[in-house]
Amino acid sequence: MTLVPTAELMSAAAARGTGQGAFNVIHLETAEGLIAGAQRAGLPLILQISENCARYHGGLEPLALASMALAKRASVPVSLHLDHAEDEQLAMQAVDLGFGSIMYDGAHLAYEDNVAATARVTDYAHAMGVYVEAELGKVGGKDGAHAPGVRTDPKEAADFVAATGVDALAVAVGSSHAMTERSATLDLELIGRLRGSLDVPLVLHGSSGVADQDIVSAISAGMTKINVSTHLNGFFTRAVRDCLNADPALVDPRRYLRAGRDALVPESARLLTLFATLEYDS
């Protein structure tokens, strides 16, 4: 296998009625651990690099090229996605670099401005055969489309997709970004109405705050792409902390970063399997 277009993975999952895991890269070790987890599960993976992550590294290109190199040698299909780009130029740079998909996040804009900006980015991406995800509603934790209590309106969502031509839509249905406890309550009835109103796949952001069974229920109700970041970061960080606590004299970062990387493998494999099979083991 090798680096594949995100459209290929999304179309396959939508046709099966299962979920496609999309996990965020923070640095090289997370990309390595996440791909190893996908290989253990024998399932495809969408690797995501966010605008915030690109800013942390001083630019998009170095981490993107490294992630692509890892994807090209993976034994399972892996695509590369730009996550939560509020900067139109960054979204276009990702297209030029060869990303399989981009998420332009104009949810902070007034509705008409969001439509106009999203349409511009979509036209640019589609000219290069790149899949586009957008966001509508308010998903909290980032003051974006998932703020507590705000929900995506199905009629407005249908109008937005028609006006922008996007390929997938992230919707606000009760989840929130950066949650460290899995206590969010999803509006499954709304997910069903959104699924019925749209002819593009739905995306669940803030999935780290959602329990396994509720994610399975959300996929059954109509969600396709399931984004996870904070939950997996927790596994990495706890393993690093345990490694350092066990050996206070340790100074070689490869040893504690390896512990974090290795901790991602079983959990990312478990989540991908859960999303793909919808078999919840309580």
C-alpha atoms as a PDB file:
ATOM      1  CA  MET A   1       0.000   0.000   0.000  1.00  0.00           C
ATOM      2  CA  THR A   2       0.983   3.629  -0.110  1.00  0.00           C
ATOM      3  CA  LEU A   3      -0.258   7.185   0.272  1.00  0.00           C
ATOM      4  CA  VAL A   4      -3.820   7.251  -1.074  1.00  0.00           C
ATOM      5  CA  PRO A   5      -6.431   9.954  -1.759  1.00  0.00           C
ATOM      6  CA  THR A   6      -8.716  10.674   1.186  1.00  0.00           C
ATOM      7  CA  ALA A   7     -11.693  10.466  -1.162  1.00  0.00           C
ATOM      8  CA  GLU A   8     -10.964   6.766  -1.624  1.00  0.00           C
ATOM      9  CA  LEU A   9     -11.118   6.059   2.108  1.00  0.00           C
ATOM     10  CA  MET A  10     -14.179   8.221   2.706  1.00  0.00           C
ATOM     11  CA  SER A  11     -16.140   6.737  -0.181  1.00  0.00           C
ATOM     12  CA  ALA A  12     -15.415   3.200   0.979  1.00  0.00           C
ATOM     13  CA  ALA A  13     -16.465   3.887   4.574  1.00  0.00           C
ATOM     14  CA  ALA A  14     -19.622   5.750   3.528  1.00  0.00           C
ATOM     15  CA  ALA A  15     -20.613   2.899   1.212  1.00  0.00           C
ATOM     16  CA  ARG A  16     -20.176   0.361   4.024  1.00  0.00           C
ATOM     17  CA  GLY A  17     -21.910   2.510   6.631  1.00  0.00           C
ATOM     18  CA  THR A  18     -18.873   2.289   8.895  1.00  0.00           C
ATOM     19  CA  GLY A  19     -16.548   4.903  10.368  1.00  0.00           C
ATOM     20  CA  GLN A  20     -13.151   6.033   9.124  1.00  0.00           C
ATOM     21  CA  GLY A  21     -10.664   7.037  11.809  1.00  0.00           C
ATOM     22  CA  ALA A  22      -8.768  10.310  11.340  1.00  0.00           C
ATOM     23  CA  PHE A  23      -6.024  10.807  13.933  1.00  0.00           C
ATOM     24  CA  ASN A  24      -3.894  13.891  14.503  1.00  0.00           C
ATOM     25  CA  VAL A  25      -0.135  14.040  14.082  1.00  0.00           C
ATOM     26  CA  ILE A  26       1.747  16.150  16.634  1.00  0.00           C
ATOM     27  CA  HIS A  27       5.297  15.199  15.678  1.00  0.00           C
ATOM     28  CA  LEU A  28       7.113  12.380  13.887  1.00  0.00           C
ATOM     29  CA  GLU A  29       6.715   9.893  16.733  1.00  0.00           C
ATOM     30  CA  THR A  30       2.934  10.240  16.748  1.00  0.00           C
ATOM     31  CA  ALA A  31       2.789   9.677  12.992  1.00  0.00           C
ATOM     32  CA  GLU A  32       4.911   6.544  13.396  1.00  0.00           C
ATOM     33  CA  GLY A  33       2.774   5.225  16.255  1.00  0.00           C
ATOM     34  CA  LEU A  34      -0.528   5.907  14.519  1.00  0.00           C
ATOM     35  CA  ILE A  35       0.557   4.199  11.304  1.00  0.00           C
ATOM     36  CA  ALA A  36       1.858   1.225  13.300  1.00  0.00           C
ATOM     37  CA  GLY A  37      -1.579   1.007  14.942  1.00  0.00           C
ATOM     38  CA  ALA A  38      -3.308   1.041  11.565  1.00  0.00           C
ATOM     39  CA  GLN A  39      -0.992  -1.724  10.375  1.00  0.00           C
ATOM     40  CA  ARG A  40      -1.740  -3.782  13.481  1.00  0.00           C
ATOM     41  CA  ALA A  41      -5.469  -3.396  12.798  1.00  0.00           C
ATOM     42  CA  GLY A  42      -5.023  -3.975   9.073  1.00  0.00           C
ATOM     43  CA  LEU A  43      -7.204  -0.934   8.408  1.00  0.00           C
ATOM     44  CA  PRO A  44      -6.809   2.371   6.547  1.00  0.00           C
ATOM     45  CA  LEU A  45      -6.018   5.600   8.368  1.00  0.00           C
ATOM     46  CA  ILE A  46      -6.374   9.318   7.731  1.00  0.00           C
ATOM     47  CA  LEU A  47      -3.408  11.165   9.235  1.00  0.00           C
ATOM     48  CA  GLN A  48      -4.217  14.780  10.114  1.00  0.00           C
ATOM     49  CA  ILE A  49      -1.982  17.801  10.582  1.00  0.00           C
ATOM     50  CA  SER A  50      -3.747  20.833  12.015  1.00  0.00           C
ATOM     51  CA  GLU A  51      -3.019  24.494  11.423  1.00  0.00           C
ATOM     52  CA  ASN A  52      -2.038  24.760  15.082  1.00  0.00           C
ATOM     53  CA  CYS A  53       0.434  21.902  14.653  1.00  0.00           C
ATOM     54  CA  ALA A  54       1.921  23.467  11.525  1.00  0.00           C
ATOM     55  CA  ARG A  55       2.334  26.737  13.418  1.00  0.00           C
ATOM     56  CA  TYR A  56       4.065  24.911  16.292  1.00  0.00           C
ATOM     57  CA  HIS A  57       6.595  23.432  13.862  1.00  0.00           C
ATOM     58  CA  GLY A  58       7.156  26.764  12.114  1.00  0.00           C
ATOM     59  CA  GLY A  59       5.494  25.688   8.894  1.00  0.00           C
ATOM     60  CA  LEU A  60       3.539  22.907   7.225  1.00  0.00           C
ATOM     61  CA  GLU A  61       6.058  21.430   4.815  1.00  0.00           C
ATOM     62  CA  PRO A  62       8.593  19.573   7.047  1.00  0.00           C
ATOM     63  CA  LEU A  63       6.074  17.519   9.043  1.00  0.00           C
ATOM     64  CA  ALA A  64       3.872  17.025   5.979  1.00  0.00           C
ATOM     65  CA  LEU A  65       6.699  15.603   3.885  1.00  0.00           C
ATOM     66  CA  ALA A  66       7.807  13.339   6.733  1.00  0.00           C
ATOM     67  CA  SER A  67       4.247  12.068   7.206  1.00  0.00           C
ATOM     68  CA  MET A  68       3.918  11.415   3.483  1.00  0.00           C
ATOM     69  CA  ALA A  69       7.160   9.436   3.514  1.00  0.00           C
ATOM     70  CA  LEU A  70       5.855   7.269   6.349  1.00  0.00           C
ATOM     71  CA  ALA A  71       2.530   6.780   4.578  1.00  0.00           C
ATOM     72  CA  LYS A  72       4.232   5.682   1.372  1.00  0.00           C
ATOM     73  CA  ARG A  73       5.941   2.787   3.136  1.00  0.00           C
ATOM     74  CA  ALA A  74       2.902   1.715   5.187  1.00  0.00           C
ATOM     75  CA  SER A  75       1.354  -1.709   4.592  1.00  0.00           C
ATOM     76  CA  VAL A  76      -2.173  -0.254   4.769  1.00  0.00           C
ATOM     77  CA  PRO A  77      -3.748   2.685   2.912  1.00  0.00           C
ATOM     78  CA  VAL A  78      -2.940   6.033   4.562  1.00  0.00           C
ATOM     79  CA  SER A  79      -4.055   9.478   3.463  1.00  0.00           C
ATOM     80  CA  LEU A  80      -2.903  12.905   4.637  1.00  0.00           C
ATOM     81  CA  HIS A  81      -5.387  15.584   5.659  1.00  0.00           C
ATOM     82  CA  LEU A  82      -5.015  19.223   6.701  1.00  0.00           C
ATOM     83  CA  ASP A  83      -7.171  19.754   9.780  1.00  0.00           C
ATOM     84  CA  HIS A  84      -8.831  23.004  10.926  1.00  0.00           C
ATOM     85  CA  ALA A  85      -7.184  25.454   8.567  1.00  0.00           C
ATOM     86  CA  GLU A  86      -8.625  28.930   9.072  1.00  0.00           C
ATOM     87  CA  ASP A  87      -5.955  30.385   6.765  1.00  0.00           C
ATOM     88  CA  GLU A  88      -6.980  30.088   3.110  1.00  0.00           C
ATOM     89  CA  GLN A  89      -3.360  30.297   1.969  1.00  0.00           C
ATOM     90  CA  LEU A  90      -2.367  27.404   4.237  1.00  0.00           C
ATOM     91  CA  ALA A  91      -5.187  25.305   2.801  1.00  0.00           C
ATOM     92  CA  MET A  92      -3.966  26.043  -0.706  1.00  0.00           C
ATOM     93  CA  GLN A  93      -0.369  25.252   0.301  1.00  0.00           C
ATOM     94  CA  ALA A  94      -1.533  21.830   1.508  1.00  0.00           C
ATOM     95  CA  VAL A  95      -3.138  21.233  -1.886  1.00  0.00           C
ATOM     96  CA  ASP A  96       0.124  22.169  -3.591  1.00  0.00           C
ATOM     97  CA  LEU A  97       2.122  19.866  -1.293  1.00  0.00           C
ATOM     98  CA  GLY A  98       0.017  16.859  -2.288  1.00  0.00           C
ATOM     99  CA  PHE A  99      -2.334  16.401   0.659  1.00  0.00           C
ATOM    100  CA  GLY A 100      -5.212  14.039  -0.090  1.00  0.00           C
ATOM    101  CA  SER A 101      -7.702  16.365   1.591  1.00  0.00           C
ATOM    102  CA  ILE A 102      -8.025  19.651   3.399  1.00  0.00           C
ATOM    103  CA  MET A 103     -10.435  20.981   5.976  1.00  0.00           C
ATOM    104  CA  TYR A 104     -11.116  24.676   5.587  1.00  0.00           C
ATOM    105  CA  ASP A 105     -12.644  25.983   8.807  1.00  0.00           C
ATOM    106  CA  GLY A 106     -14.586  29.173   8.184  1.00  0.00           C
ATOM    107  CA  ALA A 107     -16.967  28.606  11.075  1.00  0.00           C
ATOM    108  CA  HIS A 108     -15.583  31.684  12.841  1.00  0.00           C
ATOM    109  CA  LEU A 109     -16.847  33.844   9.971  1.00  0.00           C
ATOM    110  CA  ALA A 110     -20.316  35.213   9.308  1.00  0.00           C
ATOM    111  CA  TYR A 111     -22.339  32.697   7.281  1.00  0.00           C
ATOM    112  CA  GLU A 112     -22.063  34.478   3.923  1.00  0.00           C
ATOM    113  CA  ASP A 113     -18.328  35.058   4.406  1.00  0.00           C
ATOM    114  CA  ASN A 114     -17.887  31.395   5.355  1.00  0.00           C
ATOM    115  CA  VAL A 115     -19.667  30.338   2.158  1.00  0.00           C
ATOM    116  CA  ALA A 116     -17.544  32.625  -0.016  1.00  0.00           C
ATOM    117  CA  ALA A 117     -14.227  31.620   1.525  1.00  0.00           C
ATOM    118  CA  THR A 118     -15.061  27.914   1.547  1.00  0.00           C
ATOM    119  CA  ALA A 119     -16.115  28.067  -2.108  1.00  0.00           C
ATOM    120  CA  ARG A 120     -12.809  29.717  -3.052  1.00  0.00           C
ATOM    121  CA  VAL A 121     -10.781  27.042  -1.274  1.00  0.00           C
ATOM    122  CA  THR A 122     -12.953  24.261  -2.701  1.00  0.00           C
ATOM    123  CA  ASP A 123     -12.538  25.497  -6.269  1.00  0.00           C
ATOM    124  CA  TYR A 124      -8.765  25.588  -5.833  1.00  0.00           C
ATOM    125  CA  ALA A 125      -8.626  22.111  -4.258  1.00  0.00           C
ATOM    126  CA  HIS A 126     -10.985  20.465  -6.726  1.00  0.00           C
ATOM    127  CA  ALA A 127      -8.893  21.743  -9.644  1.00  0.00           C
ATOM    128  CA  MET A 128      -6.107  19.555  -8.223  1.00  0.00           C
ATOM    129  CA  GLY A 129      -8.375  16.608  -7.388  1.00  0.00           C
ATOM    130  CA  VAL A 130      -8.207  17.242  -3.629  1.00  0.00           C
ATOM    131  CA  TYR A 131     -11.097  16.357  -1.295  1.00  0.00           C
ATOM    132  CA  VAL A 132     -12.513  19.192   0.844  1.00  0.00           C
ATOM    133  CA  GLU A 133     -14.095  19.116   4.293  1.00  0.00           C
ATOM    134  CA  ALA A 134     -15.741  22.186   5.806  1.00  0.00           C
ATOM    135  CA  GLU A 135     -17.513  23.011   9.046  1.00  0.00           C
ATOM    136  CA  LEU A 136     -20.857  24.504   9.928  1.00  0.00           C
ATOM    137  CA  GLY A 137     -22.286  25.147  13.342  1.00  0.00           C
ATOM    138  CA  LYS A 138     -20.415  26.033  16.481  1.00  0.00           C
ATOM    139  CA  VAL A 139     -17.786  22.580  17.828  1.00  0.00           C
ATOM    140  CA  GLY A 140     -16.518  23.963  21.222  1.00  0.00           C
ATOM    141  CA  GLY A 141     -13.041  24.006  22.651  1.00  0.00           C
ATOM    142  CA  LYS A 142     -11.745  26.184  19.815  1.00  0.00           C
ATOM    143  CA  ASP A 143     -14.525  28.798  19.734  1.00  0.00           C
ATOM    144  CA  GLY A 144     -15.401  27.262  16.400  1.00  0.00           C
ATOM    145  CA  ALA A 145     -18.268  25.145  15.179  1.00  0.00           C
ATOM    146  CA  HIS A 146     -18.689  23.060  18.311  1.00  0.00           C
ATOM    147  CA  ALA A 147     -19.425  25.450  21.178  1.00  0.00           C
ATOM    148  CA  PRO A 148     -21.579  23.913  23.914  1.00  0.00           C
ATOM    149  CA  GLY A 149     -25.282  24.043  23.196  1.00  0.00           C
ATOM    150  CA  VAL A 150     -24.969  25.068  19.543  1.00  0.00           C
ATOM    151  CA  ARG A 151     -26.096  22.682  16.826  1.00  0.00           C
ATOM    152  CA  THR A 152     -25.893  22.541  13.035  1.00  0.00           C
ATOM    153  CA  ASP A 153     -29.214  23.206  11.293  1.00  0.00           C
ATOM    154  CA  PRO A 154     -29.966  20.561   8.599  1.00  0.00           C
ATOM    155  CA  LYS A 155     -31.535  23.031   6.167  1.00  0.00           C
ATOM    156  CA  GLU A 156     -28.660  25.485   6.493  1.00  0.00           C
ATOM    157  CA  ALA A 157     -26.199  22.599   6.127  1.00  0.00           C
ATOM    158  CA  ALA A 158     -27.818  21.481   2.865  1.00  0.00           C
ATOM    159  CA  ASP A 159     -27.734  25.045   1.530  1.00  0.00           C
ATOM    160  CA  PHE A 160     -24.088  25.413   2.578  1.00  0.00           C
ATOM    161  CA  VAL A 161     -22.989  22.210   0.831  1.00  0.00           C
ATOM    162  CA  ALA A 162     -24.857  23.200  -2.336  1.00  0.00           C
ATOM    163  CA  ALA A 163     -23.302  26.680  -2.318  1.00  0.00           C
ATOM    164  CA  THR A 164     -19.724  25.588  -1.650  1.00  0.00           C
ATOM    165  CA  GLY A 165     -19.424  22.187  -3.330  1.00  0.00           C
ATOM    166  CA  VAL A 166     -17.569  20.628  -0.386  1.00  0.00           C
ATOM    167  CA  ASP A 167     -17.132  16.863  -0.189  1.00  0.00           C
ATOM    168  CA  ALA A 168     -17.704  16.348   3.558  1.00  0.00           C
ATOM    169  CA  LEU A 169     -19.140  18.421   6.388  1.00  0.00           C
ATOM    170  CA  ALA A 170     -18.156  18.608  10.043  1.00  0.00           C
ATOM    171  CA  VAL A 171     -21.265  19.264  12.081  1.00  0.00           C
ATOM    172  CA  ALA A 172     -22.041  20.376  15.629  1.00  0.00           C
ATOM    173  CA  VAL A 173     -24.018  17.641  17.384  1.00  0.00           C
ATOM    174  CA  GLY A 174     -22.873  17.877  21.009  1.00  0.00           C
ATOM    175  CA  SER A 175     -19.155  17.109  21.010  1.00  0.00           C
ATOM    176  CA  SER A 176     -16.405  19.543  21.996  1.00  0.00           C
ATOM    177  CA  HIS A 177     -12.701  19.762  21.225  1.00  0.00           C
ATOM    178  CA  ALA A 178      -9.889  19.004  23.681  1.00  0.00           C
ATOM    179  CA  MET A 179     -12.027  17.124  26.212  1.00  0.00           C
ATOM    180  CA  THR A 180     -10.020  14.899  28.568  1.00  0.00           C
ATOM    181  CA  GLU A 181     -13.100  13.074  29.888  1.00  0.00           C
ATOM    182  CA  ARG A 182     -15.387  11.061  27.610  1.00  0.00           C
ATOM    183  CA  SER A 183     -18.608  12.608  28.873  1.00  0.00           C
ATOM    184  CA  ALA A 184     -20.118  14.423  25.869  1.00  0.00           C
ATOM    185  CA  THR A 185     -23.695  13.606  24.887  1.00  0.00           C
ATOM    186  CA  LEU A 186     -24.382  13.435  21.161  1.00  0.00           C
ATOM    187  CA  ASP A 187     -27.680  14.331  19.547  1.00  0.00           C
ATOM    188  CA  LEU A 188     -28.307  11.138  17.580  1.00  0.00           C
ATOM    189  CA  GLU A 189     -31.653  12.336  16.282  1.00  0.00           C
ATOM    190  CA  LEU A 190     -29.978  15.406  14.795  1.00  0.00           C
ATOM    191  CA  ILE A 191     -27.256  13.241  13.225  1.00  0.00           C
ATOM    192  CA  GLY A 192     -29.982  11.243  11.526  1.00  0.00           C
ATOM    193  CA  ARG A 193     -31.691  14.381  10.210  1.00  0.00           C
ATOM    194  CA  LEU A 194     -28.385  15.776   8.941  1.00  0.00           C
ATOM    195  CA  ARG A 195     -27.624  12.477   7.228  1.00  0.00           C
ATOM    196  CA  GLY A 196     -31.025  12.610   5.564  1.00  0.00           C
ATOM    197  CA  SER A 197     -30.536  16.210   4.407  1.00  0.00           C
ATOM    198  CA  LEU A 198     -27.055  15.862   2.926  1.00  0.00           C
ATOM    199  CA  ASP A 199     -25.479  13.836   0.162  1.00  0.00           C
ATOM    200  CA  VAL A 200     -21.943  14.197   1.552  1.00  0.00           C
ATOM    201  CA  PRO A 201     -20.365  12.317   4.487  1.00  0.00           C
ATOM    202  CA  LEU A 202     -20.620  13.754   7.993  1.00  0.00           C
ATOM    203  CA  VAL A 203     -17.579  14.352  10.189  1.00  0.00           C
ATOM    204  CA  LEU A 204     -17.475  14.131  13.995  1.00  0.00           C
ATOM    205  CA  HIS A 205     -14.974  16.484  15.602  1.00  0.00           C
ATOM    206  CA  GLY A 206     -14.271  16.398  19.333  1.00  0.00           C
ATOM    207  CA  SER A 207     -14.550  12.606  19.445  1.00  0.00           C
ATOM    208  CA  SER A 208     -12.058  12.373  22.329  1.00  0.00           C
ATOM    209  CA  GLY A 209     -14.884  13.464  24.614  1.00  0.00           C
ATOM    210  CA  VAL A 210     -17.293  10.780  23.392  1.00  0.00           C
ATOM    211  CA  ALA A 211     -17.533   7.269  24.848  1.00  0.00           C
ATOM    212  CA  ASP A 212     -17.000   4.238  22.606  1.00  0.00           C
ATOM    213  CA  GLN A 213     -20.625   3.152  22.539  1.00  0.00           C
ATOM    214  CA  ASP A 214     -21.783   6.659  21.705  1.00  0.00           C
ATOM    215  CA  ILE A 215     -19.318   6.878  18.816  1.00  0.00           C
ATOM    216  CA  VAL A 216     -20.655   3.556  17.508  1.00  0.00           C
ATOM    217  CA  SER A 217     -24.203   4.909  17.813  1.00  0.00           C
ATOM    218  CA  ALA A 218     -23.174   8.103  15.990  1.00  0.00           C
ATOM    219  CA  ILE A 219     -21.699   6.095  13.116  1.00  0.00           C
ATOM    220  CA  SER A 220     -24.850   4.002  12.919  1.00  0.00           C
ATOM    221  CA  ALA A 221     -26.878   7.224  12.840  1.00  0.00           C
ATOM    222  CA  GLY A 222     -24.871   8.619   9.924  1.00  0.00           C
ATOM    223  CA  MET A 223     -21.365   9.786  10.888  1.00  0.00           C
ATOM    224  CA  THR A 224     -18.466   8.684   8.675  1.00  0.00           C
ATOM    225  CA  LYS A 225     -15.175  10.426   9.554  1.00  0.00           C
ATOM    226  CA  ILE A 226     -14.258  10.258  13.237  1.00  0.00           C
ATOM    227  CA  ASN A 227     -11.537  12.691  14.363  1.00  0.00           C
ATOM    228  CA  VAL A 228      -9.478  11.811  17.446  1.00  0.00           C
ATOM    229  CA  SER A 229      -6.580  13.774  18.905  1.00  0.00           C
ATOM    230  CA  THR A 230      -6.672  14.567  22.644  1.00  0.00           C
ATOM    231  CA  HIS A 231      -7.635  11.011  23.651  1.00  0.00           C
ATOM    232  CA  LEU A 232      -4.606   9.566  21.863  1.00  0.00           C
ATOM    233  CA  ASN A 233      -2.332  12.352  23.092  1.00  0.00           C
ATOM    234  CA  GLY A 234      -3.215  11.215  26.594  1.00  0.00           C
ATOM    235  CA  PHE A 235      -1.847   7.727  25.941  1.00  0.00           C
ATOM    236  CA  PHE A 236       1.378   9.184  24.560  1.00  0.00           C
ATOM    237  CA  THR A 237       1.851  11.623  27.435  1.00  0.00           C
ATOM    238  CA  ARG A 238       1.075   9.130  30.197  1.00  0.00           C
ATOM    239  CA  ALA A 239       3.606   6.675  28.773  1.00  0.00           C
ATOM    240  CA  VAL A 240       6.289   9.387  28.599  1.00  0.00           C
ATOM    241  CA  ARG A 241       5.527  10.458  32.165  1.00  0.00           C
ATOM    242  CA  ASP A 242       5.706   6.867  33.442  1.00  0.00           C
ATOM    243  CA  CYS A 243       8.999   6.310  31.648  1.00  0.00           C
ATOM    244  CA  LEU A 244      10.582   9.421  33.138  1.00  0.00           C
ATOM    245  CA  ASN A 245       9.223   8.693  36.613  1.00  0.00           C
ATOM    246  CA  ALA A 246      10.655   5.175  36.453  1.00  0.00           C
ATOM    247  CA  ASP A 247      14.134   6.470  35.582  1.00  0.00           C
ATOM    248  CA  PRO A 248      14.797  10.010  36.878  1.00  0.00           C
ATOM    249  CA  ALA A 249      18.342   9.879  35.452  1.00  0.00           C
ATOM    250  CA  LEU A 250      17.110   9.276  31.894  1.00  0.00           C
ATOM    251  CA  VAL A 251      18.317  11.930  29.427  1.00  0.00           C
ATOM    252  CA  ASP A 252      18.038  10.221  26.018  1.00  0.00           C
ATOM    253  CA  PRO A 253      14.736  11.503  24.524  1.00  0.00           C
ATOM    254  CA  ARG A 254      14.551   8.540  22.169  1.00  0.00           C
ATOM    255  CA  ARG A 255      13.821   6.251  25.102  1.00  0.00           C
ATOM    256  CA  TYR A 256      10.876   8.180  26.489  1.00  0.00           C
ATOM    257  CA  LEU A 257       9.552   9.185  23.074  1.00  0.00           C
ATOM    258  CA  ARG A 258       9.654   5.512  22.089  1.00  0.00           C
ATOM    259  CA  ALA A 259       7.487   4.742  25.115  1.00  0.00           C
ATOM    260  CA  GLY A 260       4.953   7.335  23.986  1.00  0.00           C
ATOM    261  CA  ARG A 261       5.031   6.125  20.396  1.00  0.00           C
ATOM    262  CA  ASP A 262       4.548   2.506  21.434  1.00  0.00           C
ATOM    263  CA  ALA A 263       1.587   3.417  23.649  1.00  0.00           C
ATOM    264  CA  LEU A 264      -0.284   4.788  20.620  1.00  0.00           C
ATOM    265  CA  VAL A 265      -0.167   1.509  18.723  1.00  0.00           C
ATOM    266  CA  PRO A 266      -2.725  -0.637  20.594  1.00  0.00           C
ATOM    267  CA  GLU A 267      -5.166   2.205  21.222  1.00  0.00           C
ATOM    268  CA  SER A 268      -5.150   3.516  17.661  1.00  0.00           C
ATOM    269  CA  ALA A 269      -5.598  -0.055  16.401  1.00  0.00           C
ATOM    270  CA  ARG A 270      -8.503  -0.554  18.815  1.00  0.00           C
ATOM    271  CA  LEU A 271     -10.258   2.636  17.764  1.00  0.00           C
ATOM    272  CA  LEU A 272      -9.875   1.941  14.049  1.00  0.00           C
ATOM    273  CA  THR A 273     -11.317  -1.539  14.568  1.00  0.00           C
ATOM    274  CA  LEU A 274     -14.199  -0.149  16.638  1.00  0.00           C
ATOM    275  CA  PHE A 275     -15.115   2.409  13.986  1.00  0.00           C
ATOM    276  CA  ALA A 276     -14.804  -0.044  11.100  1.00  0.00           C
ATOM    277  CA  THR A 277     -16.676  -2.986  12.623  1.00  0.00           C
ATOM    278  CA  LEU A 278     -19.131  -1.202  14.957  1.00  0.00           C
ATOM    279  CA  GLU A 279     -18.569  -3.978  17.464  1.00  0.00           C
ATOM    280  CA  TYR A 280     -18.542  -2.508  20.946  1.00  0.00           C
ATOM    281  CA  ASP A 281     -17.029  -4.650  23.698  1.00  0.00           C
ATOM    282  CA  SER A 282     -18.240  -3.318  27.033  1.00  0.00           C
END
